[in-house]
N, C-alpha and C. Protein backbone atom coordinates (compact mmCIF):
# COMPACT_ATOMS: atom_id res chain seq x y z
N MET A 1 11.57 -58.65 -34.43
CA MET A 1 11.19 -58.83 -33.03
C MET A 1 9.74 -58.50 -32.81
N ASN A 2 9.00 -59.30 -32.14
CA ASN A 2 7.52 -59.09 -31.95
C ASN A 2 7.33 -58.47 -30.57
N GLU A 3 6.97 -57.16 -30.56
CA GLU A 3 6.74 -56.46 -29.37
C GLU A 3 5.29 -56.26 -29.01
N HIS A 4 5.00 -56.01 -27.77
CA HIS A 4 3.66 -55.73 -27.30
C HIS A 4 3.35 -54.24 -27.57
N VAL A 5 2.15 -53.95 -27.92
CA VAL A 5 1.66 -52.57 -28.19
C VAL A 5 0.33 -52.41 -27.38
N LYS A 6 0.17 -51.31 -26.73
CA LYS A 6 -1.08 -51.09 -25.93
C LYS A 6 -2.18 -50.81 -26.91
N ILE A 7 -3.29 -51.57 -26.75
CA ILE A 7 -4.44 -51.46 -27.70
C ILE A 7 -5.64 -50.78 -26.98
N LEU A 8 -5.73 -50.86 -25.73
CA LEU A 8 -6.94 -50.38 -24.98
C LEU A 8 -6.68 -50.14 -23.54
N THR A 9 -7.27 -49.09 -22.94
CA THR A 9 -7.31 -48.85 -21.53
C THR A 9 -8.70 -48.76 -21.06
N ASN A 10 -9.16 -49.44 -20.05
CA ASN A 10 -10.52 -49.35 -19.61
C ASN A 10 -10.62 -50.05 -18.23
N SER A 11 -11.84 -50.47 -17.84
CA SER A 11 -12.00 -51.16 -16.56
C SER A 11 -11.53 -52.65 -16.59
N SER A 12 -11.30 -53.12 -15.47
CA SER A 12 -10.91 -54.48 -15.28
C SER A 12 -11.88 -55.43 -15.92
N ILE A 13 -13.09 -55.21 -15.71
CA ILE A 13 -14.14 -56.12 -16.24
C ILE A 13 -14.16 -56.23 -17.80
N LEU A 14 -14.06 -54.98 -18.35
CA LEU A 14 -14.13 -54.94 -19.86
C LEU A 14 -12.85 -55.45 -20.38
N ILE A 15 -11.70 -55.13 -19.86
CA ILE A 15 -10.42 -55.61 -20.36
C ILE A 15 -10.35 -57.13 -20.27
N ASN A 16 -10.72 -57.70 -19.14
CA ASN A 16 -10.64 -59.12 -19.00
C ASN A 16 -11.57 -59.90 -19.96
N ARG A 17 -12.74 -59.30 -20.23
CA ARG A 17 -13.68 -59.89 -21.20
C ARG A 17 -13.08 -59.90 -22.60
N ILE A 18 -12.43 -58.76 -22.94
CA ILE A 18 -11.92 -58.64 -24.33
C ILE A 18 -10.74 -59.58 -24.42
N ALA A 19 -9.92 -59.69 -23.34
CA ALA A 19 -8.73 -60.62 -23.33
C ALA A 19 -9.28 -62.03 -23.54
N GLN A 20 -10.39 -62.40 -23.00
CA GLN A 20 -10.95 -63.73 -23.18
C GLN A 20 -11.32 -63.91 -24.63
N ILE A 21 -11.96 -62.97 -25.16
CA ILE A 21 -12.43 -63.00 -26.65
C ILE A 21 -11.16 -63.23 -27.50
N LEU A 22 -10.13 -62.40 -27.29
CA LEU A 22 -8.89 -62.48 -28.06
C LEU A 22 -8.32 -63.91 -27.94
N GLU A 23 -8.31 -64.44 -26.69
CA GLU A 23 -7.72 -65.78 -26.49
C GLU A 23 -8.48 -66.86 -27.30
N GLU A 24 -9.87 -66.66 -27.36
CA GLU A 24 -10.67 -67.59 -28.17
C GLU A 24 -10.28 -67.52 -29.68
N GLU A 25 -9.84 -66.31 -30.14
CA GLU A 25 -9.42 -66.16 -31.48
C GLU A 25 -7.90 -66.45 -31.69
N GLU A 26 -7.27 -66.98 -30.64
CA GLU A 26 -5.86 -67.35 -30.62
C GLU A 26 -4.97 -66.13 -30.76
N ILE A 27 -5.40 -65.08 -30.10
CA ILE A 27 -4.52 -63.83 -30.11
C ILE A 27 -4.09 -63.66 -28.66
N PRO A 28 -2.82 -63.88 -28.36
CA PRO A 28 -2.31 -63.68 -27.06
C PRO A 28 -2.38 -62.24 -26.63
N SER A 29 -2.59 -61.95 -25.38
CA SER A 29 -2.62 -60.58 -24.84
C SER A 29 -1.96 -60.54 -23.54
N LEU A 30 -1.71 -59.32 -23.09
CA LEU A 30 -1.07 -59.00 -21.75
C LEU A 30 -1.88 -57.95 -21.04
N ILE A 31 -2.25 -58.14 -19.77
CA ILE A 31 -2.98 -57.19 -19.04
C ILE A 31 -2.11 -56.52 -17.99
N LYS A 32 -2.09 -55.20 -17.96
CA LYS A 32 -1.33 -54.48 -16.98
C LYS A 32 -2.39 -53.71 -16.07
N ASP A 33 -2.56 -54.21 -14.85
CA ASP A 33 -3.61 -53.70 -13.96
C ASP A 33 -2.95 -52.60 -13.07
N ASN A 34 -2.99 -51.38 -13.50
CA ASN A 34 -2.48 -50.29 -12.72
C ASN A 34 -3.30 -49.94 -11.52
N VAL A 35 -4.64 -50.35 -11.49
CA VAL A 35 -5.44 -50.17 -10.39
C VAL A 35 -5.01 -51.02 -9.23
N GLU A 36 -4.83 -52.32 -9.49
CA GLU A 36 -4.29 -53.28 -8.43
C GLU A 36 -2.87 -52.90 -7.97
N SER A 37 -2.03 -52.52 -8.87
CA SER A 37 -0.66 -52.11 -8.50
C SER A 37 -0.65 -50.92 -7.66
N ALA A 38 -1.52 -49.97 -7.94
CA ALA A 38 -1.53 -48.73 -7.12
C ALA A 38 -2.14 -49.09 -5.71
N ARG A 39 -3.21 -49.94 -5.69
CA ARG A 39 -3.72 -50.35 -4.42
C ARG A 39 -2.72 -51.03 -3.52
N LEU A 40 -1.97 -51.87 -4.07
CA LEU A 40 -0.88 -52.63 -3.36
C LEU A 40 0.20 -51.70 -2.79
N ALA A 41 0.47 -50.66 -3.58
CA ALA A 41 1.43 -49.70 -3.21
C ALA A 41 1.00 -48.63 -2.23
N GLY A 42 -0.36 -48.62 -2.07
CA GLY A 42 -0.92 -47.67 -1.15
C GLY A 42 -1.33 -46.32 -1.75
N PHE A 43 -1.46 -46.30 -3.11
CA PHE A 43 -1.84 -45.08 -3.79
C PHE A 43 -3.21 -45.33 -4.44
N GLY A 44 -3.75 -44.27 -4.87
CA GLY A 44 -5.10 -44.29 -5.66
C GLY A 44 -4.87 -44.08 -7.10
N THR A 45 -5.78 -44.53 -7.89
CA THR A 45 -5.77 -44.31 -9.32
C THR A 45 -7.20 -44.47 -9.91
N SER A 46 -7.33 -44.08 -11.11
CA SER A 46 -8.65 -44.22 -11.78
C SER A 46 -9.12 -45.69 -11.88
N ALA A 47 -10.41 -45.93 -11.74
CA ALA A 47 -10.91 -47.28 -11.86
C ALA A 47 -10.76 -47.76 -13.29
N ASN A 48 -10.61 -46.92 -14.28
CA ASN A 48 -10.52 -47.37 -15.67
C ASN A 48 -8.99 -47.27 -16.06
N ASP A 49 -8.14 -47.82 -15.32
CA ASP A 49 -6.68 -47.75 -15.56
C ASP A 49 -6.09 -49.14 -15.76
N VAL A 50 -6.82 -49.94 -16.51
CA VAL A 50 -6.26 -51.32 -16.75
C VAL A 50 -5.95 -51.34 -18.24
N GLU A 51 -4.75 -51.72 -18.63
CA GLU A 51 -4.35 -51.67 -20.04
C GLU A 51 -4.19 -53.04 -20.63
N LEU A 52 -4.57 -53.18 -21.93
CA LEU A 52 -4.51 -54.39 -22.69
C LEU A 52 -3.47 -54.24 -23.77
N TYR A 53 -2.56 -55.25 -23.86
CA TYR A 53 -1.51 -55.18 -24.91
C TYR A 53 -1.63 -56.46 -25.72
N VAL A 54 -1.26 -56.32 -27.03
CA VAL A 54 -1.18 -57.40 -27.89
C VAL A 54 0.17 -57.31 -28.66
N TYR A 55 0.59 -58.37 -29.41
CA TYR A 55 1.73 -58.26 -30.20
C TYR A 55 1.43 -57.38 -31.44
N THR A 56 2.45 -56.69 -31.84
CA THR A 56 2.28 -55.86 -33.09
C THR A 56 1.82 -56.61 -34.26
N SER A 57 2.21 -57.87 -34.35
CA SER A 57 1.75 -58.73 -35.49
C SER A 57 0.20 -59.12 -35.43
N ASP A 58 -0.38 -58.94 -34.25
CA ASP A 58 -1.80 -59.24 -34.10
C ASP A 58 -2.58 -57.99 -34.05
N LEU A 59 -2.00 -56.80 -34.15
CA LEU A 59 -2.70 -55.53 -33.89
C LEU A 59 -3.94 -55.41 -34.78
N GLU A 60 -3.78 -55.52 -36.04
CA GLU A 60 -4.95 -55.23 -36.95
C GLU A 60 -6.11 -56.16 -36.69
N LYS A 61 -5.78 -57.52 -36.55
CA LYS A 61 -6.85 -58.44 -36.23
C LYS A 61 -7.53 -58.16 -34.88
N ALA A 62 -6.78 -57.87 -33.90
CA ALA A 62 -7.30 -57.57 -32.56
C ALA A 62 -8.14 -56.29 -32.61
N LYS A 63 -7.77 -55.26 -33.38
CA LYS A 63 -8.56 -54.04 -33.43
C LYS A 63 -9.94 -54.30 -33.99
N LYS A 64 -9.99 -55.11 -35.04
CA LYS A 64 -11.30 -55.48 -35.68
C LYS A 64 -12.13 -56.20 -34.63
N ILE A 65 -11.55 -57.19 -33.92
CA ILE A 65 -12.39 -57.96 -32.95
C ILE A 65 -12.82 -57.01 -31.80
N ILE A 66 -12.04 -56.10 -31.30
CA ILE A 66 -12.37 -55.28 -30.26
C ILE A 66 -13.39 -54.25 -30.74
N ASN A 67 -13.28 -53.70 -31.85
CA ASN A 67 -14.22 -52.67 -32.36
C ASN A 67 -15.59 -53.34 -32.58
N THR A 68 -15.59 -54.63 -33.04
CA THR A 68 -16.93 -55.29 -33.19
C THR A 68 -17.56 -55.52 -31.88
N PHE A 69 -16.79 -55.97 -30.88
CA PHE A 69 -17.32 -56.20 -29.55
C PHE A 69 -17.85 -54.94 -28.97
N LEU A 70 -17.12 -53.83 -29.02
CA LEU A 70 -17.50 -52.55 -28.39
C LEU A 70 -18.76 -52.05 -29.18
N GLU A 71 -18.87 -52.09 -30.43
CA GLU A 71 -20.04 -51.72 -31.14
C GLU A 71 -21.31 -52.51 -30.75
N ASN A 72 -21.14 -53.80 -30.60
CA ASN A 72 -22.22 -54.66 -30.14
C ASN A 72 -22.60 -54.47 -28.75
N ASN A 73 -21.61 -54.11 -27.91
CA ASN A 73 -21.90 -53.89 -26.49
C ASN A 73 -22.67 -52.58 -26.33
N GLU A 74 -22.37 -51.53 -27.15
CA GLU A 74 -23.05 -50.26 -27.03
C GLU A 74 -24.53 -50.36 -27.39
N LYS A 75 -24.88 -51.26 -28.26
CA LYS A 75 -26.25 -51.45 -28.70
C LYS A 75 -27.17 -51.99 -27.68
N GLN A 76 -26.59 -52.66 -26.64
CA GLN A 76 -27.42 -53.32 -25.62
C GLN A 76 -27.75 -52.35 -24.51
């Protein structure tokens, strides 16, 4: 059985950008936006509370792509 595993928690902007990069590499992902869920329920939460999930079978490939992106992003 292929299950989702959380790979990253960060801001909505960063998570959506990484999800787009993963999609370009044909790695499906799932975004859980706790910020929006909390807002709709009338609660507050941290702005960096958006989670990115990938299938366990794609975990290693996704980690490499994410690490490369984050390293390149830090240099700018």
